[in-house]
């Protein structure tokens, strides 16, 4: 029986995935996949600051950090329709979690306080020293919500992370958009 629903941040609760934003800013995420994987791992593990991350990404794109910031901030807006659904339809019945590969302070910068209050717990990779798809981060998210992994439904926009969640017993939904999520959720619950 599902007792908690846990969401990924980027590409689900907030705007687009980093890969999409990188392309919108003029990059080629396929050609630069190795760079992106490396810089995301370093940022999401807390090995580099948000400022260093911004500087390196902008340099790779051949734009200024300010120009990168404009594109990033425009594309990484809270998904208010999903957050409203979580608040109104899910929160009354389930514990709600956020599980994100992100750097220190990213969630506070991207999700306004009134929307952060929707979540009973927020697990950020750089703050806990674990990265998705490490099984330990999924177990930690469940533990902090006070449920077993088998009682969690996890939704992410990247299939590779769903596998880690499934390995610890979580049910999963690949997030595409709110209508698709609601349809899949109805079948599961």
N, C-alpha and C. Protein backbone atom coordinates (compact mmCIF):
# COMPACT_ATOMS: atom_id res chain seq x y z
N UNK A 1 0.83 -1.19 0.00
CA UNK A 1 0.00 0.00 0.00
C UNK A 1 0.88 1.25 0.00
N UNK A 2 0.61 2.16 -0.90
CA UNK A 2 1.38 3.39 -1.02
C UNK A 2 1.01 4.35 0.12
N UNK A 3 2.04 4.80 0.85
CA UNK A 3 1.85 5.76 1.93
C UNK A 3 2.57 7.08 1.67
N UNK A 4 3.47 7.08 0.68
CA UNK A 4 4.25 8.30 0.37
C UNK A 4 4.48 8.40 -1.13
N UNK A 5 4.50 9.64 -1.60
CA UNK A 5 4.82 9.90 -3.00
C UNK A 5 6.01 10.85 -3.01
N UNK A 6 7.06 10.45 -3.72
CA UNK A 6 8.31 11.20 -3.76
C UNK A 6 8.56 11.64 -5.20
N UNK A 7 8.92 12.91 -5.35
CA UNK A 7 9.14 13.49 -6.67
C UNK A 7 10.58 13.93 -6.85
N UNK A 8 11.06 13.82 -8.08
CA UNK A 8 12.31 14.42 -8.50
C UNK A 8 12.08 15.93 -8.63
N UNK A 9 13.16 16.69 -8.63
CA UNK A 9 13.01 18.14 -8.78
C UNK A 9 13.02 18.56 -10.26
N UNK A 10 14.19 18.55 -10.88
CA UNK A 10 14.33 19.11 -12.23
C UNK A 10 13.72 18.21 -13.30
N UNK A 11 12.86 18.81 -14.09
CA UNK A 11 12.13 18.08 -15.12
C UNK A 11 10.80 17.55 -14.61
N UNK A 12 10.55 17.74 -13.30
CA UNK A 12 9.29 17.29 -12.71
C UNK A 12 8.68 18.45 -11.93
N UNK A 13 9.19 18.71 -10.73
CA UNK A 13 8.66 19.78 -9.87
C UNK A 13 9.11 21.16 -10.36
N UNK A 14 10.28 21.20 -10.97
CA UNK A 14 10.82 22.47 -11.49
C UNK A 14 11.18 22.29 -12.95
N UNK A 15 10.60 23.14 -13.78
CA UNK A 15 10.95 23.32 -15.18
C UNK A 15 11.44 22.12 -15.95
N UNK A 16 12.48 22.36 -16.69
CA UNK A 16 13.05 21.35 -17.57
C UNK A 16 14.28 20.73 -16.92
N UNK A 17 14.72 19.62 -17.47
CA UNK A 17 15.95 19.00 -16.98
C UNK A 17 17.14 19.87 -17.38
N UNK A 18 18.27 19.68 -16.70
CA UNK A 18 19.47 20.43 -17.04
C UNK A 18 19.83 20.23 -18.50
N UNK A 19 19.70 19.00 -19.00
CA UNK A 19 20.07 18.68 -20.38
C UNK A 19 19.27 19.54 -21.36
N UNK A 20 17.98 19.71 -21.10
CA UNK A 20 17.13 20.53 -21.98
C UNK A 20 17.55 22.00 -21.91
N UNK A 21 17.80 22.49 -20.69
CA UNK A 21 18.19 23.89 -20.52
C UNK A 21 19.53 24.15 -21.22
N UNK A 22 20.44 23.20 -21.12
CA UNK A 22 21.75 23.31 -21.78
C UNK A 22 21.57 23.48 -23.29
N UNK A 23 20.69 22.68 -23.89
CA UNK A 23 20.43 22.79 -25.33
C UNK A 23 19.77 24.12 -25.67
N UNK A 24 18.82 24.56 -24.86
CA UNK A 24 18.15 25.83 -25.10
C UNK A 24 19.14 27.00 -25.05
N UNK A 25 20.16 26.86 -24.20
CA UNK A 25 21.17 27.91 -24.06
C UNK A 25 22.19 27.88 -25.20
N UNK A 26 22.02 26.97 -26.15
CA UNK A 26 22.90 26.92 -27.30
C UNK A 26 23.88 25.77 -27.31
N UNK A 27 23.79 24.90 -26.33
CA UNK A 27 24.70 23.76 -26.26
C UNK A 27 24.20 22.57 -27.07
N UNK A 28 25.04 21.55 -27.09
CA UNK A 28 24.69 20.29 -27.74
C UNK A 28 24.89 19.20 -26.69
N UNK A 29 23.80 18.84 -26.02
CA UNK A 29 23.91 17.91 -24.90
C UNK A 29 24.36 16.52 -25.32
N UNK A 30 24.15 16.15 -26.56
CA UNK A 30 24.63 14.85 -27.03
C UNK A 30 26.14 14.89 -27.20
N UNK A 31 26.63 15.90 -27.87
CA UNK A 31 28.07 16.05 -28.08
C UNK A 31 28.80 16.29 -26.75
N UNK A 32 28.17 17.02 -25.85
CA UNK A 32 28.82 17.40 -24.59
C UNK A 32 28.38 16.52 -23.42
N UNK A 33 27.88 15.33 -23.71
CA UNK A 33 27.35 14.45 -22.64
C UNK A 33 28.39 14.15 -21.56
N UNK A 34 29.62 13.91 -21.95
CA UNK A 34 30.66 13.58 -20.96
C UNK A 34 30.91 14.78 -20.03
N UNK A 35 30.99 15.98 -20.61
CA UNK A 35 31.14 17.19 -19.80
C UNK A 35 29.95 17.37 -18.85
N UNK A 36 28.75 17.18 -19.36
CA UNK A 36 27.54 17.37 -18.55
C UNK A 36 27.50 16.35 -17.41
N UNK A 37 27.75 15.08 -17.73
CA UNK A 37 27.76 14.07 -16.67
C UNK A 37 28.77 14.42 -15.58
N UNK A 38 29.96 14.85 -16.00
CA UNK A 38 31.01 15.18 -15.05
C UNK A 38 30.63 16.38 -14.18
N UNK A 39 30.17 17.45 -14.81
CA UNK A 39 29.89 18.66 -14.02
C UNK A 39 28.67 18.46 -13.13
N UNK A 40 27.67 17.72 -13.60
CA UNK A 40 26.51 17.44 -12.75
C UNK A 40 26.91 16.57 -11.56
N UNK A 41 27.75 15.57 -11.79
CA UNK A 41 28.21 14.72 -10.68
C UNK A 41 28.98 15.55 -9.65
N UNK A 42 29.84 16.44 -10.12
CA UNK A 42 30.62 17.26 -9.18
C UNK A 42 29.72 18.22 -8.42
N UNK A 43 28.77 18.84 -9.11
CA UNK A 43 27.87 19.79 -8.44
C UNK A 43 26.92 19.07 -7.50
N UNK A 44 26.33 17.98 -7.97
CA UNK A 44 25.32 17.29 -7.18
C UNK A 44 25.90 16.53 -6.00
N UNK A 45 27.21 16.29 -6.02
CA UNK A 45 27.85 15.66 -4.87
C UNK A 45 28.40 16.70 -3.91
N UNK A 46 28.29 17.98 -4.31
CA UNK A 46 28.78 19.06 -3.45
C UNK A 46 30.26 19.34 -3.61
N UNK A 47 30.88 18.75 -4.64
CA UNK A 47 32.32 18.92 -4.85
C UNK A 47 32.67 20.31 -5.38
N UNK A 48 31.72 20.98 -6.04
CA UNK A 48 31.93 22.35 -6.50
C UNK A 48 30.74 23.19 -6.08
N UNK A 49 30.96 24.48 -5.97
CA UNK A 49 29.90 25.41 -5.57
C UNK A 49 28.97 25.70 -6.75
N UNK A 50 27.84 26.27 -6.46
CA UNK A 50 26.90 26.68 -7.51
C UNK A 50 27.56 27.71 -8.42
N UNK A 51 28.37 28.58 -7.85
CA UNK A 51 29.05 29.62 -8.64
C UNK A 51 30.05 28.99 -9.61
N UNK A 52 30.82 28.02 -9.13
CA UNK A 52 31.79 27.35 -10.00
C UNK A 52 31.06 26.58 -11.11
N UNK A 53 29.96 25.97 -10.75
CA UNK A 53 29.14 25.25 -11.73
C UNK A 53 28.70 26.20 -12.83
N UNK A 54 28.14 27.34 -12.44
CA UNK A 54 27.66 28.33 -13.41
C UNK A 54 28.80 28.81 -14.31
N UNK A 55 29.94 29.10 -13.72
CA UNK A 55 31.09 29.58 -14.49
C UNK A 55 31.54 28.55 -15.51
N UNK A 56 31.63 27.29 -15.11
CA UNK A 56 32.10 26.24 -16.02
C UNK A 56 31.09 25.97 -17.14
N UNK A 57 29.81 25.95 -16.81
CA UNK A 57 28.78 25.70 -17.83
C UNK A 57 28.77 26.85 -18.84
N UNK A 58 28.79 28.07 -18.35
CA UNK A 58 28.79 29.23 -19.26
C UNK A 58 30.00 29.20 -20.17
N UNK A 59 31.18 28.90 -19.62
CA UNK A 59 32.40 28.84 -20.43
C UNK A 59 32.27 27.78 -21.53
N UNK A 60 31.73 26.62 -21.17
CA UNK A 60 31.56 25.54 -22.15
C UNK A 60 30.60 25.97 -23.26
N UNK A 61 29.57 26.74 -22.89
CA UNK A 61 28.59 27.21 -23.87
C UNK A 61 29.08 28.42 -24.66
N UNK A 62 30.15 29.05 -24.18
CA UNK A 62 30.66 30.24 -24.85
C UNK A 62 29.81 31.48 -24.60
N UNK A 63 29.16 31.52 -23.43
CA UNK A 63 28.36 32.67 -23.05
C UNK A 63 28.80 33.12 -21.66
N UNK A 64 28.30 34.27 -21.23
CA UNK A 64 28.67 34.75 -19.91
C UNK A 64 27.85 34.02 -18.84
N UNK A 65 28.34 34.01 -17.61
CA UNK A 65 27.54 33.43 -16.54
C UNK A 65 26.17 34.10 -16.41
N UNK A 66 26.12 35.41 -16.64
CA UNK A 66 24.83 36.11 -16.58
C UNK A 66 23.87 35.63 -17.67
N UNK A 67 24.40 35.42 -18.88
CA UNK A 67 23.55 34.93 -19.97
C UNK A 67 23.02 33.52 -19.65
N UNK A 68 23.90 32.66 -19.10
CA UNK A 68 23.46 31.33 -18.68
C UNK A 68 22.38 31.47 -17.61
N UNK A 69 22.57 32.36 -16.67
CA UNK A 69 21.62 32.56 -15.59
C UNK A 69 20.24 32.97 -16.09
N UNK A 70 20.20 33.81 -17.12
CA UNK A 70 18.92 34.25 -17.69
C UNK A 70 18.16 33.05 -18.28
N UNK A 71 18.85 32.23 -19.07
CA UNK A 71 18.21 31.07 -19.69
C UNK A 71 17.79 30.08 -18.60
N UNK A 72 18.69 29.78 -17.69
CA UNK A 72 18.40 28.83 -16.61
C UNK A 72 17.19 29.27 -15.79
N UNK A 73 17.18 30.53 -15.38
CA UNK A 73 16.09 31.01 -14.54
C UNK A 73 14.75 31.06 -15.28
N UNK A 74 14.80 31.33 -16.57
CA UNK A 74 13.57 31.35 -17.37
C UNK A 74 13.00 29.93 -17.51
N UNK A 75 13.86 28.95 -17.70
CA UNK A 75 13.42 27.58 -17.96
C UNK A 75 13.18 26.76 -16.69
N UNK A 76 13.79 27.16 -15.58
CA UNK A 76 13.67 26.40 -14.34
C UNK A 76 12.68 27.07 -13.38
N UNK A 77 11.44 27.13 -13.81
CA UNK A 77 10.37 27.69 -13.00
C UNK A 77 9.60 26.56 -12.31
N UNK A 78 9.05 26.80 -11.12
CA UNK A 78 8.25 25.78 -10.47
C UNK A 78 7.08 25.34 -11.35
N UNK A 79 6.83 24.04 -11.35
CA UNK A 79 5.71 23.45 -12.10
C UNK A 79 4.46 23.62 -11.23
N UNK A 80 3.87 24.81 -11.28
CA UNK A 80 2.77 25.14 -10.39
C UNK A 80 1.54 24.24 -10.57
N UNK A 81 1.19 23.82 -11.78
CA UNK A 81 0.06 22.89 -11.89
C UNK A 81 0.32 21.58 -11.13
N UNK A 82 1.54 21.03 -11.25
CA UNK A 82 1.87 19.81 -10.51
C UNK A 82 1.90 20.08 -9.01
N UNK A 83 2.52 21.16 -8.59
CA UNK A 83 2.58 21.49 -7.17
C UNK A 83 1.19 21.69 -6.57
N UNK A 84 0.29 22.30 -7.33
CA UNK A 84 -1.09 22.48 -6.87
C UNK A 84 -1.77 21.12 -6.72
N UNK A 85 -1.56 20.23 -7.68
CA UNK A 85 -2.12 18.88 -7.60
C UNK A 85 -1.57 18.14 -6.38
N UNK A 86 -0.27 18.25 -6.16
CA UNK A 86 0.35 17.60 -4.99
C UNK A 86 -0.30 18.13 -3.71
N UNK A 87 -0.39 19.45 -3.61
CA UNK A 87 -0.95 20.07 -2.40
C UNK A 87 -2.40 19.69 -2.17
N UNK A 88 -3.21 19.77 -3.23
CA UNK A 88 -4.65 19.59 -3.09
C UNK A 88 -5.10 18.13 -3.11
N UNK A 89 -4.48 17.32 -3.95
CA UNK A 89 -4.96 15.94 -4.13
C UNK A 89 -4.13 14.89 -3.40
N UNK A 90 -2.82 15.09 -3.30
CA UNK A 90 -1.97 14.05 -2.71
C UNK A 90 -1.64 14.27 -1.25
N UNK A 91 -1.31 15.50 -0.89
CA UNK A 91 -0.86 15.80 0.48
C UNK A 91 -1.88 15.39 1.54
N UNK A 92 -3.19 15.54 1.32
CA UNK A 92 -4.14 15.12 2.35
C UNK A 92 -4.10 13.61 2.64
N UNK A 93 -3.61 12.80 1.69
CA UNK A 93 -3.65 11.35 1.84
C UNK A 93 -2.28 10.67 1.99
N UNK A 94 -1.22 11.35 1.55
CA UNK A 94 0.10 10.73 1.49
C UNK A 94 1.17 11.66 2.06
N UNK A 95 2.25 11.04 2.54
CA UNK A 95 3.43 11.83 2.86
C UNK A 95 4.06 12.19 1.52
N UNK A 96 4.61 13.39 1.45
CA UNK A 96 5.16 13.89 0.18
C UNK A 96 6.64 14.20 0.35
N UNK A 97 7.44 13.67 -0.56
CA UNK A 97 8.88 13.91 -0.51
C UNK A 97 9.41 14.46 -1.82
N UNK A 98 10.59 15.08 -1.71
CA UNK A 98 11.34 15.56 -2.87
C UNK A 98 12.71 14.92 -2.77
N UNK A 99 13.18 14.34 -3.85
CA UNK A 99 14.48 13.68 -3.90
C UNK A 99 15.19 14.17 -5.14
N UNK A 100 16.29 14.90 -4.94
CA UNK A 100 16.93 15.55 -6.09
C UNK A 100 18.44 15.43 -6.05
N UNK A 101 19.01 15.16 -7.21
CA UNK A 101 20.44 15.34 -7.39
C UNK A 101 20.61 16.84 -7.63
N UNK A 102 21.09 17.52 -6.61
CA UNK A 102 21.23 18.98 -6.69
C UNK A 102 22.33 19.44 -5.74
N UNK A 103 22.79 20.66 -5.96
CA UNK A 103 23.83 21.27 -5.15
C UNK A 103 23.21 21.92 -3.92
N UNK A 104 24.06 22.29 -2.98
CA UNK A 104 23.62 22.99 -1.77
C UNK A 104 22.84 24.26 -2.15
N UNK A 105 21.69 24.45 -1.54
CA UNK A 105 20.91 25.67 -1.72
C UNK A 105 20.07 25.75 -2.98
N UNK A 106 20.20 24.77 -3.88
CA UNK A 106 19.48 24.82 -5.14
C UNK A 106 17.96 24.79 -4.94
N UNK A 107 17.49 23.93 -4.08
CA UNK A 107 16.04 23.80 -3.87
C UNK A 107 15.47 25.11 -3.34
N UNK A 108 16.18 25.72 -2.40
CA UNK A 108 15.71 27.00 -1.84
C UNK A 108 15.69 28.10 -2.91
N UNK A 109 16.62 28.06 -3.84
CA UNK A 109 16.66 29.07 -4.91
C UNK A 109 15.58 28.83 -5.96
N UNK A 110 15.22 27.57 -6.19
CA UNK A 110 14.31 27.24 -7.29
C UNK A 110 12.85 27.08 -6.89
N UNK A 111 12.61 26.72 -5.63
CA UNK A 111 11.23 26.48 -5.19
C UNK A 111 10.89 27.46 -4.08
N UNK A 112 9.96 28.37 -4.32
CA UNK A 112 9.57 29.33 -3.28
C UNK A 112 9.08 28.61 -2.02
N UNK A 113 9.24 29.28 -0.89
CA UNK A 113 8.91 28.67 0.40
C UNK A 113 7.49 28.13 0.45
N UNK A 114 6.51 28.86 -0.11
CA UNK A 114 5.13 28.37 -0.02
C UNK A 114 4.97 27.02 -0.70
N UNK A 115 5.78 26.73 -1.73
CA UNK A 115 5.71 25.43 -2.40
C UNK A 115 6.58 24.40 -1.69
N UNK A 116 7.69 24.81 -1.08
CA UNK A 116 8.52 23.86 -0.34
C UNK A 116 7.74 23.27 0.84
N UNK A 117 6.79 24.02 1.37
CA UNK A 117 5.98 23.55 2.50
C UNK A 117 5.11 22.35 2.13
N UNK A 118 4.91 22.11 0.84
CA UNK A 118 4.13 20.97 0.38
C UNK A 118 4.83 19.66 0.74
N UNK A 119 6.16 19.70 0.84
CA UNK A 119 6.94 18.49 1.06
C UNK A 119 7.17 18.24 2.54
N UNK A 120 6.94 16.99 2.94
CA UNK A 120 7.21 16.58 4.31
C UNK A 120 8.71 16.42 4.55
N UNK A 121 9.45 16.10 3.49
CA UNK A 121 10.90 15.98 3.59
C UNK A 121 11.52 16.22 2.22
N UNK A 122 12.72 16.78 2.24
CA UNK A 122 13.46 17.06 1.01
C UNK A 122 14.86 16.46 1.17
N UNK A 123 15.23 15.56 0.25
CA UNK A 123 16.56 14.96 0.24
C UNK A 123 17.31 15.52 -0.96
N UNK A 124 18.44 16.18 -0.68
CA UNK A 124 19.28 16.78 -1.71
C UNK A 124 20.63 16.06 -1.71
N UNK A 125 21.03 15.56 -2.85
CA UNK A 125 22.23 14.74 -2.97
C UNK A 125 23.47 15.37 -2.33
N UNK A 126 23.73 16.64 -2.63
CA UNK A 126 24.94 17.29 -2.11
C UNK A 126 24.92 17.39 -0.59
N UNK A 127 23.72 17.40 -0.02
CA UNK A 127 23.60 17.52 1.43
C UNK A 127 23.72 16.19 2.16
N UNK A 128 23.44 15.08 1.46
CA UNK A 128 23.49 13.77 2.10
C UNK A 128 24.65 12.91 1.59
N UNK A 129 25.38 13.39 0.59
CA UNK A 129 26.54 12.66 0.09
C UNK A 129 26.22 11.42 -0.72
N UNK A 130 25.04 11.39 -1.31
CA UNK A 130 24.62 10.27 -2.15
C UNK A 130 23.99 10.83 -3.42
N UNK A 131 24.14 10.11 -4.52
CA UNK A 131 23.56 10.52 -5.80
C UNK A 131 22.62 9.45 -6.33
N UNK A 132 21.48 9.88 -6.91
CA UNK A 132 20.66 8.93 -7.66
C UNK A 132 21.53 8.44 -8.81
N UNK A 133 21.53 7.18 -9.15
CA UNK A 133 20.63 6.12 -8.76
C UNK A 133 21.14 5.22 -7.62
N UNK A 134 22.06 5.70 -6.80
CA UNK A 134 22.53 4.91 -5.65
C UNK A 134 21.33 4.46 -4.82
N UNK A 135 21.24 3.18 -4.55
CA UNK A 135 20.09 2.63 -3.82
C UNK A 135 19.95 3.26 -2.44
N UNK A 136 21.07 3.64 -1.84
CA UNK A 136 21.04 4.20 -0.48
C UNK A 136 20.25 5.50 -0.41
N UNK A 137 20.25 6.30 -1.47
CA UNK A 137 19.53 7.58 -1.42
C UNK A 137 18.01 7.35 -1.45
N UNK A 138 17.58 6.31 -2.14
CA UNK A 138 16.15 5.98 -2.17
C UNK A 138 15.70 5.45 -0.81
N UNK A 139 16.55 4.61 -0.21
CA UNK A 139 16.24 4.08 1.12
C UNK A 139 16.19 5.21 2.15
N UNK A 140 17.11 6.17 2.02
CA UNK A 140 17.14 7.32 2.92
C UNK A 140 15.86 8.15 2.79
N UNK A 141 15.43 8.39 1.55
CA UNK A 141 14.20 9.17 1.33
C UNK A 141 13.01 8.51 2.01
N UNK A 142 12.90 7.19 1.89
CA UNK A 142 11.79 6.48 2.53
C UNK A 142 11.91 6.56 4.05
N UNK A 143 13.11 6.32 4.55
CA UNK A 143 13.33 6.33 6.01
C UNK A 143 12.96 7.68 6.60
N UNK A 144 13.37 8.77 5.93
CA UNK A 144 13.09 10.10 6.46
C UNK A 144 11.60 10.44 6.43
N UNK A 145 10.85 9.75 5.58
CA UNK A 145 9.39 9.93 5.55
C UNK A 145 8.69 8.97 6.52
N UNK A 146 9.47 8.07 7.12
CA UNK A 146 8.90 7.14 8.08
C UNK A 146 8.12 5.99 7.46
N UNK A 147 8.49 5.61 6.25
CA UNK A 147 7.83 4.52 5.54
C UNK A 147 8.88 3.57 4.99
N UNK A 148 8.45 2.39 4.59
CA UNK A 148 9.37 1.45 3.94
C UNK A 148 9.44 1.81 2.45
N UNK A 149 10.52 1.43 1.76
CA UNK A 149 10.59 1.71 0.32
C UNK A 149 9.41 1.14 -0.46
N UNK A 150 8.88 -0.01 -0.01
CA UNK A 150 7.74 -0.64 -0.69
C UNK A 150 6.47 0.18 -0.57
N UNK A 151 6.46 1.15 0.33
CA UNK A 151 5.29 2.00 0.52
C UNK A 151 5.42 3.35 -0.20
N UNK A 152 6.44 3.45 -1.06
CA UNK A 152 6.72 4.71 -1.76
C UNK A 152 6.46 4.58 -3.26
N UNK A 153 5.86 5.62 -3.80
CA UNK A 153 5.76 5.80 -5.24
C UNK A 153 6.72 6.93 -5.59
N UNK A 154 7.66 6.68 -6.51
CA UNK A 154 8.66 7.66 -6.91
C UNK A 154 8.46 8.05 -8.37
N UNK A 155 8.51 9.36 -8.64
CA UNK A 155 8.36 9.84 -10.02
C UNK A 155 9.56 10.69 -10.41
N UNK A 156 10.12 10.39 -11.57
CA UNK A 156 11.29 11.10 -12.10
C UNK A 156 11.13 11.18 -13.61
N UNK A 157 11.78 12.16 -14.22
CA UNK A 157 11.71 12.28 -15.68
C UNK A 157 12.82 11.49 -16.37
N UNK A 158 13.73 10.89 -15.60
CA UNK A 158 14.83 10.11 -16.18
C UNK A 158 14.69 8.65 -15.79
N UNK A 159 14.55 7.80 -16.80
CA UNK A 159 14.34 6.37 -16.56
C UNK A 159 15.47 5.74 -15.76
N UNK A 160 16.71 6.19 -15.96
CA UNK A 160 17.83 5.59 -15.25
C UNK A 160 17.68 5.69 -13.74
N UNK A 161 16.98 6.72 -13.26
CA UNK A 161 16.78 6.86 -11.82
C UNK A 161 15.62 6.03 -11.32
N UNK A 162 14.68 5.72 -12.18
CA UNK A 162 13.56 4.87 -11.78
C UNK A 162 14.05 3.46 -11.45
N UNK A 163 15.07 3.01 -12.15
CA UNK A 163 15.61 1.67 -11.89
C UNK A 163 16.13 1.52 -10.48
N UNK A 164 16.82 2.55 -9.97
CA UNK A 164 17.32 2.51 -8.59
C UNK A 164 16.18 2.43 -7.60
N UNK A 165 15.15 3.22 -7.84
CA UNK A 165 13.97 3.20 -6.96
C UNK A 165 13.29 1.84 -6.99
N UNK A 166 13.16 1.27 -8.17
CA UNK A 166 12.54 -0.04 -8.31
C UNK A 166 13.36 -1.12 -7.60
N UNK A 167 14.67 -0.99 -7.63
CA UNK A 167 15.55 -1.98 -7.00
C UNK A 167 15.36 -2.06 -5.49
N UNK A 168 14.90 -0.97 -4.86
CA UNK A 168 14.66 -1.01 -3.42
C UNK A 168 13.20 -1.29 -3.10
N UNK A 169 12.38 -1.52 -4.13
CA UNK A 169 10.99 -1.90 -3.92
C UNK A 169 9.96 -0.82 -4.16
N UNK A 170 10.40 0.35 -4.57
CA UNK A 170 9.46 1.44 -4.83
C UNK A 170 8.71 1.21 -6.14
N UNK A 171 7.47 1.66 -6.20
CA UNK A 171 6.76 1.74 -7.46
C UNK A 171 7.19 3.05 -8.12
N UNK A 172 7.14 3.12 -9.44
CA UNK A 172 7.64 4.31 -10.13
C UNK A 172 6.71 4.75 -11.25
N UNK A 173 6.82 6.05 -11.54
CA UNK A 173 6.15 6.64 -12.70
C UNK A 173 7.17 7.53 -13.41
N UNK A 174 7.36 7.28 -14.70
CA UNK A 174 8.18 8.16 -15.52
C UNK A 174 7.36 9.42 -15.78
N UNK A 175 7.87 10.57 -15.34
CA UNK A 175 7.12 11.81 -15.48
C UNK A 175 7.32 12.41 -16.86
N UNK A 176 6.21 12.66 -17.56
CA UNK A 176 6.25 13.34 -18.85
C UNK A 176 5.54 14.68 -18.74
N UNK A 177 4.33 14.66 -18.21
CA UNK A 177 3.55 15.87 -17.97
C UNK A 177 2.48 15.52 -16.95
N UNK A 178 1.76 16.52 -16.49
CA UNK A 178 0.80 16.31 -15.41
C UNK A 178 -0.34 15.37 -15.82
N UNK A 179 -0.88 15.53 -17.02
CA UNK A 179 -1.99 14.68 -17.45
C UNK A 179 -1.56 13.21 -17.50
N UNK A 180 -0.38 12.95 -18.04
CA UNK A 180 0.15 11.59 -18.11
C UNK A 180 0.40 11.04 -16.71
N UNK A 181 0.95 11.88 -15.83
CA UNK A 181 1.22 11.46 -14.45
C UNK A 181 -0.08 11.07 -13.76
N UNK A 182 -1.11 11.91 -13.88
CA UNK A 182 -2.40 11.62 -13.23
C UNK A 182 -2.99 10.31 -13.73
N UNK A 183 -2.90 10.05 -15.02
CA UNK A 183 -3.45 8.82 -15.60
C UNK A 183 -2.69 7.60 -15.06
N UNK A 184 -1.38 7.68 -15.02
CA UNK A 184 -0.57 6.56 -14.49
C UNK A 184 -0.81 6.38 -13.00
N UNK A 185 -0.94 7.49 -12.28
CA UNK A 185 -1.17 7.45 -10.84
C UNK A 185 -2.50 6.77 -10.53
N UNK A 186 -3.51 7.10 -11.30
CA UNK A 186 -4.83 6.52 -11.07
C UNK A 186 -4.80 5.00 -11.23
N UNK A 187 -4.04 4.52 -12.22
CA UNK A 187 -3.91 3.08 -12.42
C UNK A 187 -3.17 2.40 -11.26
N UNK A 188 -2.16 3.09 -10.70
CA UNK A 188 -1.37 2.51 -9.61
C UNK A 188 -2.09 2.55 -8.27
N UNK A 189 -2.82 3.62 -8.01
CA UNK A 189 -3.43 3.78 -6.70
C UNK A 189 -4.86 3.27 -6.71
